[in-house]
Amino acid sequence: MGQQAENFNLDSEVLVGLYETFQIMVLDARTRVAINQQLGKFKEAKRLFGMDMAINTRNMKQSGN
């Protein structure tokens, strides 16, 4: 993996970039809201994202494996 600057805040800087990208790529505001809700469900492991396979995948991606 590449090196990160000491003051790089992964959570906030990545999220800002993600939302800026959504604004460019997804013109419909309602669709952006739906995407954001899905991301929340993924992070909280709700519904489909709460299944073992989804949780394991999320944990592996977060640990860098």
N, C-alpha and C. Protein backbone atom coordinates (compact mmCIF):
# COMPACT_ATOMS: atom_id res chain seq x y z
N MET A 1 0.82 -1.19 0.00
CA MET A 1 0.00 0.00 0.00
C MET A 1 0.86 1.25 0.00
N GLY A 2 0.33 2.34 -0.49
CA GLY A 2 1.08 3.58 -0.54
C GLY A 2 1.20 4.22 0.83
N GLN A 3 2.09 5.18 0.93
CA GLN A 3 2.28 5.89 2.19
C GLN A 3 1.27 7.01 2.29
N GLN A 4 0.89 7.31 3.54
CA GLN A 4 -0.06 8.37 3.78
C GLN A 4 0.61 9.50 4.55
N ALA A 5 0.19 10.72 4.27
CA ALA A 5 0.70 11.86 5.01
C ALA A 5 0.29 11.73 6.48
N GLU A 6 1.09 12.27 7.38
CA GLU A 6 0.80 12.15 8.81
C GLU A 6 -0.55 12.74 9.18
N ASN A 7 -0.97 13.80 8.52
CA ASN A 7 -2.21 14.47 8.87
C ASN A 7 -3.41 13.94 8.07
N PHE A 8 -3.23 12.86 7.34
CA PHE A 8 -4.30 12.29 6.53
C PHE A 8 -5.29 11.58 7.44
N ASN A 9 -6.54 12.02 7.41
CA ASN A 9 -7.60 11.39 8.19
C ASN A 9 -8.40 10.52 7.24
N LEU A 10 -8.16 9.22 7.31
CA LEU A 10 -8.76 8.28 6.37
C LEU A 10 -10.27 8.41 6.31
N ASP A 11 -10.93 8.41 7.45
CA ASP A 11 -12.39 8.45 7.46
C ASP A 11 -12.94 9.70 6.81
N SER A 12 -12.55 10.87 7.29
CA SER A 12 -13.16 12.09 6.79
C SER A 12 -12.71 12.43 5.37
N GLU A 13 -11.43 12.27 5.07
CA GLU A 13 -10.96 12.64 3.74
C GLU A 13 -11.49 11.70 2.66
N VAL A 14 -11.57 10.43 2.97
CA VAL A 14 -12.11 9.47 2.01
C VAL A 14 -13.60 9.71 1.80
N LEU A 15 -14.32 9.97 2.89
CA LEU A 15 -15.76 10.23 2.76
C LEU A 15 -16.04 11.50 1.96
N VAL A 16 -15.26 12.54 2.18
CA VAL A 16 -15.45 13.77 1.41
C VAL A 16 -15.24 13.48 -0.07
N GLY A 17 -14.18 12.76 -0.40
CA GLY A 17 -13.93 12.40 -1.79
C GLY A 17 -15.03 11.54 -2.38
N LEU A 18 -15.52 10.60 -1.57
CA LEU A 18 -16.61 9.74 -2.03
C LEU A 18 -17.86 10.55 -2.35
N TYR A 19 -18.24 11.45 -1.44
CA TYR A 19 -19.44 12.25 -1.67
C TYR A 19 -19.27 13.25 -2.82
N GLU A 20 -18.07 13.77 -2.97
CA GLU A 20 -17.82 14.65 -4.12
C GLU A 20 -17.96 13.87 -5.43
N THR A 21 -17.49 12.63 -5.42
CA THR A 21 -17.61 11.78 -6.60
C THR A 21 -19.08 11.48 -6.89
N PHE A 22 -19.85 11.19 -5.84
CA PHE A 22 -21.28 10.94 -6.03
C PHE A 22 -21.96 12.14 -6.67
N GLN A 23 -21.61 13.35 -6.23
CA GLN A 23 -22.23 14.55 -6.80
C GLN A 23 -21.96 14.67 -8.29
N ILE A 24 -20.77 14.27 -8.70
CA ILE A 24 -20.40 14.35 -10.11
C ILE A 24 -21.08 13.24 -10.92
N MET A 25 -21.05 12.03 -10.39
CA MET A 25 -21.49 10.87 -11.16
C MET A 25 -23.00 10.61 -11.08
N VAL A 26 -23.62 10.99 -9.96
CA VAL A 26 -25.04 10.71 -9.75
C VAL A 26 -25.77 12.05 -9.66
N LEU A 27 -26.43 12.42 -10.73
CA LEU A 27 -27.06 13.74 -10.79
C LEU A 27 -28.33 13.83 -9.96
N ASP A 28 -29.05 12.74 -9.82
CA ASP A 28 -30.32 12.74 -9.09
C ASP A 28 -30.08 12.69 -7.58
N ALA A 29 -30.57 13.70 -6.87
CA ALA A 29 -30.35 13.79 -5.42
C ALA A 29 -30.98 12.61 -4.68
N ARG A 30 -32.13 12.16 -5.12
CA ARG A 30 -32.80 11.03 -4.45
C ARG A 30 -31.96 9.75 -4.57
N THR A 31 -31.32 9.58 -5.71
CA THR A 31 -30.46 8.41 -5.90
C THR A 31 -29.25 8.51 -4.98
N ARG A 32 -28.69 9.71 -4.82
CA ARG A 32 -27.56 9.90 -3.90
C ARG A 32 -27.97 9.58 -2.47
N VAL A 33 -29.18 9.97 -2.09
CA VAL A 33 -29.68 9.65 -0.74
C VAL A 33 -29.80 8.13 -0.58
N ALA A 34 -30.32 7.46 -1.60
CA ALA A 34 -30.46 6.00 -1.54
C ALA A 34 -29.09 5.33 -1.41
N ILE A 35 -28.11 5.83 -2.14
CA ILE A 35 -26.75 5.28 -2.05
C ILE A 35 -26.21 5.49 -0.64
N ASN A 36 -26.40 6.66 -0.10
CA ASN A 36 -25.92 6.96 1.25
C ASN A 36 -26.58 6.04 2.28
N GLN A 37 -27.86 5.77 2.12
CA GLN A 37 -28.56 4.87 3.03
C GLN A 37 -27.99 3.46 2.94
N GLN A 38 -27.67 3.00 1.73
CA GLN A 38 -27.08 1.69 1.55
C GLN A 38 -25.71 1.62 2.22
N LEU A 39 -24.92 2.68 2.11
CA LEU A 39 -23.62 2.71 2.77
C LEU A 39 -23.77 2.62 4.28
N GLY A 40 -24.79 3.29 4.81
CA GLY A 40 -25.05 3.22 6.24
C GLY A 40 -25.41 1.80 6.68
N LYS A 41 -26.23 1.14 5.88
CA LYS A 41 -26.60 -0.25 6.19
C LYS A 41 -25.39 -1.16 6.13
N PHE A 42 -24.52 -0.91 5.16
CA PHE A 42 -23.30 -1.72 5.03
C PHE A 42 -22.43 -1.55 6.27
N LYS A 43 -22.23 -0.30 6.67
CA LYS A 43 -21.37 -0.03 7.82
C LYS A 43 -21.95 -0.61 9.10
N GLU A 44 -23.27 -0.56 9.24
CA GLU A 44 -23.92 -1.06 10.44
C GLU A 44 -24.29 -2.55 10.34
N ALA A 45 -24.01 -3.16 9.20
CA ALA A 45 -24.30 -4.58 8.96
C ALA A 45 -25.78 -4.89 9.15
N LYS A 46 -26.64 -4.12 8.51
CA LYS A 46 -28.08 -4.33 8.59
C LYS A 46 -28.58 -5.04 7.33
N ARG A 47 -29.67 -5.72 7.48
CA ARG A 47 -30.37 -6.42 6.40
C ARG A 47 -29.41 -7.35 5.66
N LEU A 48 -29.34 -7.27 4.35
CA LEU A 48 -28.48 -8.14 3.56
C LEU A 48 -27.03 -8.00 3.99
N PHE A 49 -26.64 -6.77 4.34
CA PHE A 49 -25.26 -6.53 4.74
C PHE A 49 -24.93 -7.14 6.11
N GLY A 50 -25.94 -7.62 6.81
CA GLY A 50 -25.73 -8.26 8.10
C GLY A 50 -25.47 -9.75 8.00
N MET A 51 -25.56 -10.30 6.80
CA MET A 51 -25.31 -11.72 6.62
C MET A 51 -23.81 -12.01 6.82
N ASP A 52 -23.51 -13.21 7.26
CA ASP A 52 -22.12 -13.58 7.56
C ASP A 52 -21.17 -13.26 6.43
N MET A 53 -21.52 -13.60 5.20
CA MET A 53 -20.61 -13.37 4.08
C MET A 53 -20.32 -11.88 3.92
N ALA A 54 -21.33 -11.05 4.04
CA ALA A 54 -21.14 -9.61 3.89
C ALA A 54 -20.29 -9.05 5.03
N ILE A 55 -20.53 -9.53 6.24
CA ILE A 55 -19.76 -9.06 7.39
C ILE A 55 -18.30 -9.47 7.25
N ASN A 56 -18.08 -10.72 6.86
CA ASN A 56 -16.70 -11.19 6.69
C ASN A 56 -15.98 -10.42 5.59
N THR A 57 -16.68 -10.15 4.49
CA THR A 57 -16.08 -9.38 3.40
C THR A 57 -15.72 -7.98 3.86
N ARG A 58 -16.62 -7.34 4.59
CA ARG A 58 -16.37 -5.99 5.08
C ARG A 58 -15.18 -5.99 6.03
N ASN A 59 -15.13 -6.96 6.93
CA ASN A 59 -14.03 -7.02 7.90
C ASN A 59 -12.69 -7.27 7.19
N MET A 60 -12.69 -8.11 6.18
CA MET A 60 -11.45 -8.39 5.45
C MET A 60 -10.97 -7.15 4.71
N LYS A 61 -11.91 -6.41 4.10
CA LYS A 61 -11.52 -5.20 3.36
C LYS A 61 -10.99 -4.14 4.32
N GLN A 62 -11.58 -4.03 5.50
CA GLN A 62 -11.14 -3.02 6.46
C GLN A 62 -9.76 -3.35 7.04
N SER A 63 -9.47 -4.64 7.16
CA SER A 63 -8.17 -5.03 7.72
C SER A 63 -7.06 -5.02 6.66
N GLY A 64 -7.44 -4.82 5.39
CA GLY A 64 -6.45 -4.75 4.32
C GLY A 64 -6.11 -6.08 3.69
N ASN A 65 -6.87 -7.11 4.01
CA ASN A 65 -6.62 -8.45 3.42
C ASN A 65 -7.31 -8.60 2.10
